[in-house]
């Protein structure tokens, strides 16, 4: 399945269905999603639940995290539809009842994914800032002169790494189950309401996908200012 996915990506790029930048974005997206998922299992393990470790999910091996629909079918369909490819990995298994303080620590387990993405966005931004600042200082600054530097492959990778991780972090903090931000709602719900909430959470993934695919304008109003702010801070 993975080999088929790679072949489809190469065929799509050669036929100009997607651009080289889209391929870079995909190459950045995959490890970013994996790190997001692994962080959930790692934090759960710290708090007493080693379910993810015993399932072999605390690994950067993409084969351990591939979801046939979310990791292969959905991105491929979007590529050939000419849309921005998105996807998701298999959720890392967490047994909340095995945590030492289930209701409190489950919040940290959920928020660890977005936190890792935000940290990666900051690290990528700092690396990009220092690299470009060094290149600008090497060119020299003249009074009234405007300096233009063509972005290298490394520049583009760092930019997309920062942008995609920032978007992943912010998007997953939307308080709609099964997104990680819903853990904050789950924490304040009374215990008697949790069974109904868990049933609702199990059927909400299609709602999230519809929100992303059919209302991109609404999401852009949230995400575009955030990306602009990140760019102003880190891109000299």
C-alpha atoms as a PDB file:
ATOM      1  CA  UNK A   1       0.000   0.000   0.000  1.00  0.00           C
ATOM      2  CA  UNK A   2       2.807   2.436   0.855  1.00  0.00           C
ATOM      3  CA  UNK A   3       4.651   1.641  -2.368  1.00  0.00           C
ATOM      4  CA  UNK A   4       1.430   2.303  -4.291  1.00  0.00           C
ATOM      5  CA  UNK A   5       1.019   5.643  -2.485  1.00  0.00           C
ATOM      6  CA  UNK A   6       4.587   6.691  -3.356  1.00  0.00           C
ATOM      7  CA  UNK A   7       4.057   5.659  -6.980  1.00  0.00           C
ATOM      8  CA  UNK A   8       0.858   7.716  -7.143  1.00  0.00           C
ATOM      9  CA  UNK A   9       2.657  10.764  -5.722  1.00  0.00           C
ATOM     10  CA  UNK A  10       5.460  10.485  -8.267  1.00  0.00           C
ATOM     11  CA  UNK A  11       2.999  10.008 -11.122  1.00  0.00           C
ATOM     12  CA  UNK A  12       0.984  13.004  -9.908  1.00  0.00           C
ATOM     13  CA  UNK A  13       4.100  15.183  -9.735  1.00  0.00           C
ATOM     14  CA  UNK A  14       5.341  14.128 -13.164  1.00  0.00           C
ATOM     15  CA  UNK A  15       1.921  14.823 -14.676  1.00  0.00           C
ATOM     16  CA  UNK A  16       1.869  18.225 -12.898  1.00  0.00           C
ATOM     17  CA  UNK A  17      -1.188  17.294 -10.819  1.00  0.00           C
ATOM     18  CA  UNK A  18       0.745  18.480  -7.781  1.00  0.00           C
ATOM     19  CA  UNK A  19       3.750  20.792  -7.540  1.00  0.00           C
ATOM     20  CA  UNK A  20       7.189  20.234  -6.078  1.00  0.00           C
ATOM     21  CA  UNK A  21       6.139  22.376  -3.100  1.00  0.00           C
ATOM     22  CA  UNK A  22       3.174  20.062  -2.488  1.00  0.00           C
ATOM     23  CA  UNK A  23       5.574  17.105  -2.382  1.00  0.00           C
ATOM     24  CA  UNK A  24       7.750  18.939   0.147  1.00  0.00           C
ATOM     25  CA  UNK A  25       4.649  19.654   2.202  1.00  0.00           C
ATOM     26  CA  UNK A  26       3.703  15.960   2.155  1.00  0.00           C
ATOM     27  CA  UNK A  27       7.224  14.937   3.187  1.00  0.00           C
ATOM     28  CA  UNK A  28       7.008  17.348   6.134  1.00  0.00           C
ATOM     29  CA  UNK A  29       3.425  16.398   6.995  1.00  0.00           C
ATOM     30  CA  UNK A  30       4.074  12.666   7.487  1.00  0.00           C
ATOM     31  CA  UNK A  31       6.737  12.892  10.259  1.00  0.00           C
ATOM     32  CA  UNK A  32       4.851  15.787  11.872  1.00  0.00           C
ATOM     33  CA  UNK A  33       1.702  13.668  12.186  1.00  0.00           C
ATOM     34  CA  UNK A  34       3.717  10.682  13.444  1.00  0.00           C
ATOM     35  CA  UNK A  35       5.450  12.779  16.125  1.00  0.00           C
ATOM     36  CA  UNK A  36       2.045  14.143  17.118  1.00  0.00           C
ATOM     37  CA  UNK A  37       0.680  10.633  17.625  1.00  0.00           C
ATOM     38  CA  UNK A  38       3.796   9.212  19.285  1.00  0.00           C
ATOM     39  CA  UNK A  39       3.733  12.027  21.846  1.00  0.00           C
ATOM     40  CA  UNK A  40       0.295  10.890  23.059  1.00  0.00           C
ATOM     41  CA  UNK A  41       1.586   7.401  23.773  1.00  0.00           C
ATOM     42  CA  UNK A  42       4.855   8.634  25.293  1.00  0.00           C
ATOM     43  CA  UNK A  43       3.093  10.942  27.774  1.00  0.00           C
ATOM     44  CA  UNK A  44       0.580   8.214  28.626  1.00  0.00           C
ATOM     45  CA  UNK A  45       3.502   5.884  29.329  1.00  0.00           C
ATOM     46  CA  UNK A  46       5.003   8.440  31.715  1.00  0.00           C
ATOM     47  CA  UNK A  47       1.674   8.559  33.582  1.00  0.00           C
ATOM     48  CA  UNK A  48       1.414   4.773  33.921  1.00  0.00           C
ATOM     49  CA  UNK A  49      -0.229   3.490  30.723  1.00  0.00           C
ATOM     50  CA  UNK A  50       2.185   1.533  28.524  1.00  0.00           C
ATOM     51  CA  UNK A  51      -0.492   0.392  26.041  1.00  0.00           C
ATOM     52  CA  UNK A  52       1.117   2.267  23.138  1.00  0.00           C
ATOM     53  CA  UNK A  53       4.572   0.911  23.958  1.00  0.00           C
ATOM     54  CA  UNK A  54       3.307  -2.677  24.122  1.00  0.00           C
ATOM     55  CA  UNK A  55       1.492  -2.142  20.803  1.00  0.00           C
ATOM     56  CA  UNK A  56       4.749  -1.039  19.156  1.00  0.00           C
ATOM     57  CA  UNK A  57       3.436   2.467  18.462  1.00  0.00           C
ATOM     58  CA  UNK A  58       6.214   4.483  20.118  1.00  0.00           C
ATOM     59  CA  UNK A  59       8.201   4.479  16.892  1.00  0.00           C
ATOM     60  CA  UNK A  60       8.865   6.802  13.963  1.00  0.00           C
ATOM     61  CA  UNK A  61       8.380   3.894  11.551  1.00  0.00           C
ATOM     62  CA  UNK A  62       5.485   5.103   9.356  1.00  0.00           C
ATOM     63  CA  UNK A  63       4.304   1.536   8.732  1.00  0.00           C
ATOM     64  CA  UNK A  64       3.218   1.324  12.376  1.00  0.00           C
ATOM     65  CA  UNK A  65       0.954   4.366  12.006  1.00  0.00           C
ATOM     66  CA  UNK A  66      -0.566   4.036   8.515  1.00  0.00           C
ATOM     67  CA  UNK A  67      -4.350   4.115   8.330  1.00  0.00           C
ATOM     68  CA  UNK A  68      -5.532   2.704   4.964  1.00  0.00           C
ATOM     69  CA  UNK A  69      -8.212   5.379   4.574  1.00  0.00           C
ATOM     70  CA  UNK A  70      -6.652   8.407   6.262  1.00  0.00           C
ATOM     71  CA  UNK A  71      -3.034   7.844   5.241  1.00  0.00           C
ATOM     72  CA  UNK A  72      -3.462   6.516   1.700  1.00  0.00           C
ATOM     73  CA  UNK A  73      -6.948   6.663   0.190  1.00  0.00           C
ATOM     74  CA  UNK A  74      -7.901  10.177   1.318  1.00  0.00           C
ATOM     75  CA  UNK A  75      -4.638  11.929   0.243  1.00  0.00           C
ATOM     76  CA  UNK A  76      -4.625  10.114  -3.106  1.00  0.00           C
ATOM     77  CA  UNK A  77      -8.215  11.107  -3.863  1.00  0.00           C
ATOM     78  CA  UNK A  78      -7.505  14.725  -2.928  1.00  0.00           C
ATOM     79  CA  UNK A  79      -4.378  14.824  -5.104  1.00  0.00           C
ATOM     80  CA  UNK A  80      -6.246  13.680  -8.191  1.00  0.00           C
ATOM     81  CA  UNK A  81      -9.086  16.068  -7.371  1.00  0.00           C
ATOM     82  CA  UNK A  82      -6.557  18.911  -7.451  1.00  0.00           C
ATOM     83  CA  UNK A  83      -7.127  19.731  -3.771  1.00  0.00           C
ATOM     84  CA  UNK A  84      -4.642  20.180  -0.936  1.00  0.00           C
ATOM     85  CA  UNK A  85      -3.786  16.704   0.358  1.00  0.00           C
ATOM     86  CA  UNK A  86      -4.565  16.057   4.001  1.00  0.00           C
ATOM     87  CA  UNK A  87      -4.583  12.866   6.005  1.00  0.00           C
ATOM     88  CA  UNK A  88      -4.386  11.298   9.406  1.00  0.00           C
ATOM     89  CA  UNK A  89      -2.644   8.379  11.094  1.00  0.00           C
ATOM     90  CA  UNK A  90      -4.084   5.648  13.259  1.00  0.00           C
ATOM     91  CA  UNK A  91      -4.657   7.030  16.756  1.00  0.00           C
ATOM     92  CA  UNK A  92      -2.125   5.743  19.261  1.00  0.00           C
ATOM     93  CA  UNK A  93      -3.946   3.462  21.739  1.00  0.00           C
ATOM     94  CA  UNK A  94      -4.303   4.907  25.217  1.00  0.00           C
ATOM     95  CA  UNK A  95      -6.072   3.141  28.091  1.00  0.00           C
ATOM     96  CA  UNK A  96      -7.170   6.078  30.218  1.00  0.00           C
ATOM     97  CA  UNK A  97      -8.176   3.814  33.104  1.00  0.00           C
ATOM     98  CA  UNK A  98      -4.531   2.808  33.538  1.00  0.00           C
ATOM     99  CA  UNK A  99      -3.384   6.389  34.137  1.00  0.00           C
ATOM    100  CA  UNK A 100      -2.621   7.197  37.750  1.00  0.00           C
ATOM    101  CA  UNK A 101      -5.084  10.128  37.684  1.00  0.00           C
ATOM    102  CA  UNK A 102      -7.291   9.400  34.659  1.00  0.00           C
ATOM    103  CA  UNK A 103      -9.374  12.571  34.392  1.00  0.00           C
ATOM    104  CA  UNK A 104      -6.495  14.966  35.000  1.00  0.00           C
ATOM    105  CA  UNK A 105      -3.680  13.179  33.200  1.00  0.00           C
ATOM    106  CA  UNK A 106      -5.803  12.349  30.150  1.00  0.00           C
ATOM    107  CA  UNK A 107      -5.860  16.095  29.440  1.00  0.00           C
ATOM    108  CA  UNK A 108      -2.051  16.189  29.336  1.00  0.00           C
ATOM    109  CA  UNK A 109      -2.005  13.095  27.113  1.00  0.00           C
ATOM    110  CA  UNK A 110      -4.378  14.773  24.636  1.00  0.00           C
ATOM    111  CA  UNK A 111      -2.672  18.170  24.630  1.00  0.00           C
ATOM    112  CA  UNK A 112       0.816  16.685  24.218  1.00  0.00           C
ATOM    113  CA  UNK A 113       0.230  16.253  20.456  1.00  0.00           C
ATOM    114  CA  UNK A 114      -0.549  19.921  19.721  1.00  0.00           C
ATOM    115  CA  UNK A 115       2.200  20.964  22.139  1.00  0.00           C
ATOM    116  CA  UNK A 116       4.794  18.956  20.185  1.00  0.00           C
ATOM    117  CA  UNK A 117       3.598  20.513  16.923  1.00  0.00           C
ATOM    118  CA  UNK A 118       3.870  24.038  18.357  1.00  0.00           C
ATOM    119  CA  UNK A 119       7.391  23.301  19.643  1.00  0.00           C
ATOM    120  CA  UNK A 120       8.406  21.967  16.210  1.00  0.00           C
ATOM    121  CA  UNK A 121       6.966  25.098  14.569  1.00  0.00           C
ATOM    122  CA  UNK A 122       9.051  27.318  16.851  1.00  0.00           C
ATOM    123  CA  UNK A 123      12.224  25.257  16.282  1.00  0.00           C
ATOM    124  CA  UNK A 124      11.752  25.326  12.493  1.00  0.00           C
ATOM    125  CA  UNK A 125      11.095  29.066  12.667  1.00  0.00           C
ATOM    126  CA  UNK A 126      14.252  29.737  14.688  1.00  0.00           C
ATOM    127  CA  UNK A 127      16.388  27.662  12.314  1.00  0.00           C
ATOM    128  CA  UNK A 128      14.915  29.476   9.311  1.00  0.00           C
ATOM    129  CA  UNK A 129      15.432  32.860  10.967  1.00  0.00           C
ATOM    130  CA  UNK A 130      19.092  32.208  11.809  1.00  0.00           C
ATOM    131  CA  UNK A 131      19.812  30.762   8.366  1.00  0.00           C
ATOM    132  CA  UNK A 132      18.257  33.669   6.468  1.00  0.00           C
ATOM    133  CA  UNK A 133      19.766  36.260   8.804  1.00  0.00           C
ATOM    134  CA  UNK A 134      23.210  34.768   8.186  1.00  0.00           C
ATOM    135  CA  UNK A 135      22.664  34.830   4.425  1.00  0.00           C
ATOM    136  CA  UNK A 136      21.487  38.451   4.551  1.00  0.00           C
ATOM    137  CA  UNK A 137      24.482  39.502   6.631  1.00  0.00           C
ATOM    138  CA  UNK A 138      26.735  37.716   4.129  1.00  0.00           C
ATOM    139  CA  UNK A 139      25.248  39.705   1.259  1.00  0.00           C
ATOM    140  CA  UNK A 140      25.797  42.958   3.114  1.00  0.00           C
ATOM    141  CA  UNK A 141      23.368  45.727   3.955  1.00  0.00           C
ATOM    142  CA  UNK A 142      23.481  48.999   2.060  1.00  0.00           C
ATOM    143  CA  UNK A 143      21.497  52.085   2.947  1.00  0.00           C
ATOM    144  CA  UNK A 144      18.187  52.034   1.149  1.00  0.00           C
ATOM    145  CA  UNK A 145      18.957  48.734  -0.579  1.00  0.00           C
ATOM    146  CA  UNK A 146      16.425  45.941  -0.791  1.00  0.00           C
ATOM    147  CA  UNK A 147      17.881  42.430  -0.470  1.00  0.00           C
ATOM    148  CA  UNK A 148      16.158  39.506  -2.154  1.00  0.00           C
ATOM    149  CA  UNK A 149      17.258  35.921  -1.526  1.00  0.00           C
ATOM    150  CA  UNK A 150      15.829  33.052  -3.547  1.00  0.00           C
ATOM    151  CA  UNK A 151      14.621  30.363  -1.134  1.00  0.00           C
ATOM    152  CA  UNK A 152      16.704  27.202  -1.198  1.00  0.00           C
ATOM    153  CA  UNK A 153      15.329  23.691  -0.713  1.00  0.00           C
ATOM    154  CA  UNK A 154      16.315  23.857   2.963  1.00  0.00           C
ATOM    155  CA  UNK A 155      14.514  27.208   3.332  1.00  0.00           C
ATOM    156  CA  UNK A 156      11.338  25.753   1.844  1.00  0.00           C
ATOM    157  CA  UNK A 157      11.528  22.648   4.026  1.00  0.00           C
ATOM    158  CA  UNK A 158      11.962  24.749   7.175  1.00  0.00           C
ATOM    159  CA  UNK A 159       9.156  27.105   6.158  1.00  0.00           C
ATOM    160  CA  UNK A 160       6.727  24.281   5.474  1.00  0.00           C
ATOM    161  CA  UNK A 161       7.830  22.451   8.630  1.00  0.00           C
ATOM    162  CA  UNK A 162       6.996  25.527  10.674  1.00  0.00           C
ATOM    163  CA  UNK A 163       3.744  26.281   8.891  1.00  0.00           C
ATOM    164  CA  UNK A 164       2.377  22.737   8.825  1.00  0.00           C
ATOM    165  CA  UNK A 165       3.223  22.071  12.473  1.00  0.00           C
ATOM    166  CA  UNK A 166       1.651  25.359  13.494  1.00  0.00           C
ATOM    167  CA  UNK A 167      -1.518  24.458  11.581  1.00  0.00           C
ATOM    168  CA  UNK A 168      -1.571  20.953  13.055  1.00  0.00           C
ATOM    169  CA  UNK A 169      -1.201  22.340  16.549  1.00  0.00           C
ATOM    170  CA  UNK A 170      -3.894  24.991  16.163  1.00  0.00           C
ATOM    171  CA  UNK A 171      -6.310  22.762  14.228  1.00  0.00           C
ATOM    172  CA  UNK A 172      -6.088  19.976  16.797  1.00  0.00           C
ATOM    173  CA  UNK A 173      -6.879  22.460  19.572  1.00  0.00           C
ATOM    174  CA  UNK A 174     -10.355  23.080  18.109  1.00  0.00           C
ATOM    175  CA  UNK A 175     -12.677  21.743  20.844  1.00  0.00           C
ATOM    176  CA  UNK A 176     -14.554  19.316  18.582  1.00  0.00           C
ATOM    177  CA  UNK A 177     -14.159  15.586  19.240  1.00  0.00           C
ATOM    178  CA  UNK A 178     -12.102  13.650  18.290  1.00  0.00           C
ATOM    179  CA  UNK A 179      -9.657  16.589  18.038  1.00  0.00           C
ATOM    180  CA  UNK A 180      -7.335  16.978  21.016  1.00  0.00           C
ATOM    181  CA  UNK A 181      -8.857  20.262  22.157  1.00  0.00           C
ATOM    182  CA  UNK A 182     -12.045  18.400  23.071  1.00  0.00           C
ATOM    183  CA  UNK A 183     -10.148  17.011  26.097  1.00  0.00           C
ATOM    184  CA  UNK A 184     -10.739  20.350  27.808  1.00  0.00           C
ATOM    185  CA  UNK A 185     -14.504  19.932  27.364  1.00  0.00           C
ATOM    186  CA  UNK A 186     -14.289  16.310  28.489  1.00  0.00           C
ATOM    187  CA  UNK A 187     -12.503  17.368  31.680  1.00  0.00           C
ATOM    188  CA  UNK A 188     -15.255  19.753  32.810  1.00  0.00           C
ATOM    189  CA  UNK A 189     -18.147  17.428  31.989  1.00  0.00           C
ATOM    190  CA  UNK A 190     -19.759  15.672  34.956  1.00  0.00           C
ATOM    191  CA  UNK A 191     -18.959  11.961  35.188  1.00  0.00           C
ATOM    192  CA  UNK A 192     -22.568  11.026  34.396  1.00  0.00           C
ATOM    193  CA  UNK A 193     -22.379  12.757  31.003  1.00  0.00           C
ATOM    194  CA  UNK A 194     -19.202  11.002  29.870  1.00  0.00           C
ATOM    195  CA  UNK A 195     -20.796   7.816  28.378  1.00  0.00           C
ATOM    196  CA  UNK A 196     -22.956   9.909  26.027  1.00  0.00           C
ATOM    197  CA  UNK A 197     -20.013  12.130  25.185  1.00  0.00           C
ATOM    198  CA  UNK A 198     -17.842   9.120  24.310  1.00  0.00           C
ATOM    199  CA  UNK A 199     -20.552   7.805  21.972  1.00  0.00           C
ATOM    200  CA  UNK A 200     -20.714  11.202  20.266  1.00  0.00           C
ATOM    201  CA  UNK A 201     -16.935  11.374  19.965  1.00  0.00           C
ATOM    202  CA  UNK A 202     -16.889   8.094  18.066  1.00  0.00           C
ATOM    203  CA  UNK A 203     -18.941   9.491  15.159  1.00  0.00           C
ATOM    204  CA  UNK A 204     -17.557  13.024  14.889  1.00  0.00           C
ATOM    205  CA  UNK A 205     -14.574  12.385  12.580  1.00  0.00           C
ATOM    206  CA  UNK A 206     -16.678  12.793   9.375  1.00  0.00           C
ATOM    207  CA  UNK A 207     -17.892  16.149  10.712  1.00  0.00           C
ATOM    208  CA  UNK A 208     -14.278  17.322  11.110  1.00  0.00           C
ATOM    209  CA  UNK A 209     -13.406  16.182   7.568  1.00  0.00           C
ATOM    210  CA  UNK A 210     -16.453  17.992   6.138  1.00  0.00           C
ATOM    211  CA  UNK A 211     -15.431  21.132   8.020  1.00  0.00           C
ATOM    212  CA  UNK A 212     -11.941  20.973   6.509  1.00  0.00           C
ATOM    213  CA  UNK A 213     -12.975  20.079   2.958  1.00  0.00           C
ATOM    214  CA  UNK A 214     -16.118  22.116   2.407  1.00  0.00           C
ATOM    215  CA  UNK A 215     -15.553  25.206   4.544  1.00  0.00           C
ATOM    216  CA  UNK A 216     -11.934  26.137   3.786  1.00  0.00           C
ATOM    217  CA  UNK A 217     -12.792  29.838   3.768  1.00  0.00           C
ATOM    218  CA  UNK A 218     -13.906  29.763   7.395  1.00  0.00           C
ATOM    219  CA  UNK A 219     -10.770  27.913   8.456  1.00  0.00           C
ATOM    220  CA  UNK A 220      -8.594  30.278   6.416  1.00  0.00           C
ATOM    221  CA  UNK A 221      -9.898  33.221   8.437  1.00  0.00           C
ATOM    222  CA  UNK A 222      -8.463  31.532  11.531  1.00  0.00           C
ATOM    223  CA  UNK A 223      -5.287  30.008  10.099  1.00  0.00           C
ATOM    224  CA  UNK A 224      -4.074  32.778   7.752  1.00  0.00           C
ATOM    225  CA  UNK A 225      -3.483  35.393  10.500  1.00  0.00           C
ATOM    226  CA  UNK A 226      -1.645  32.769  12.557  1.00  0.00           C
ATOM    227  CA  UNK A 227       0.675  31.860   9.682  1.00  0.00           C
ATOM    228  CA  UNK A 228       1.202  35.566   8.942  1.00  0.00           C
ATOM    229  CA  UNK A 229       2.188  36.155  12.572  1.00  0.00           C
ATOM    230  CA  UNK A 230       4.615  33.216  12.500  1.00  0.00           C
ATOM    231  CA  UNK A 231       6.162  34.579   9.297  1.00  0.00           C
ATOM    232  CA  UNK A 232       6.571  38.085  10.726  1.00  0.00           C
ATOM    233  CA  UNK A 233       8.303  36.685  13.795  1.00  0.00           C
ATOM    234  CA  UNK A 234      10.673  34.223  12.147  1.00  0.00           C
ATOM    235  CA  UNK A 235      11.220  35.305   8.522  1.00  0.00           C
ATOM    236  CA  UNK A 236      13.578  38.308   8.350  1.00  0.00           C
END
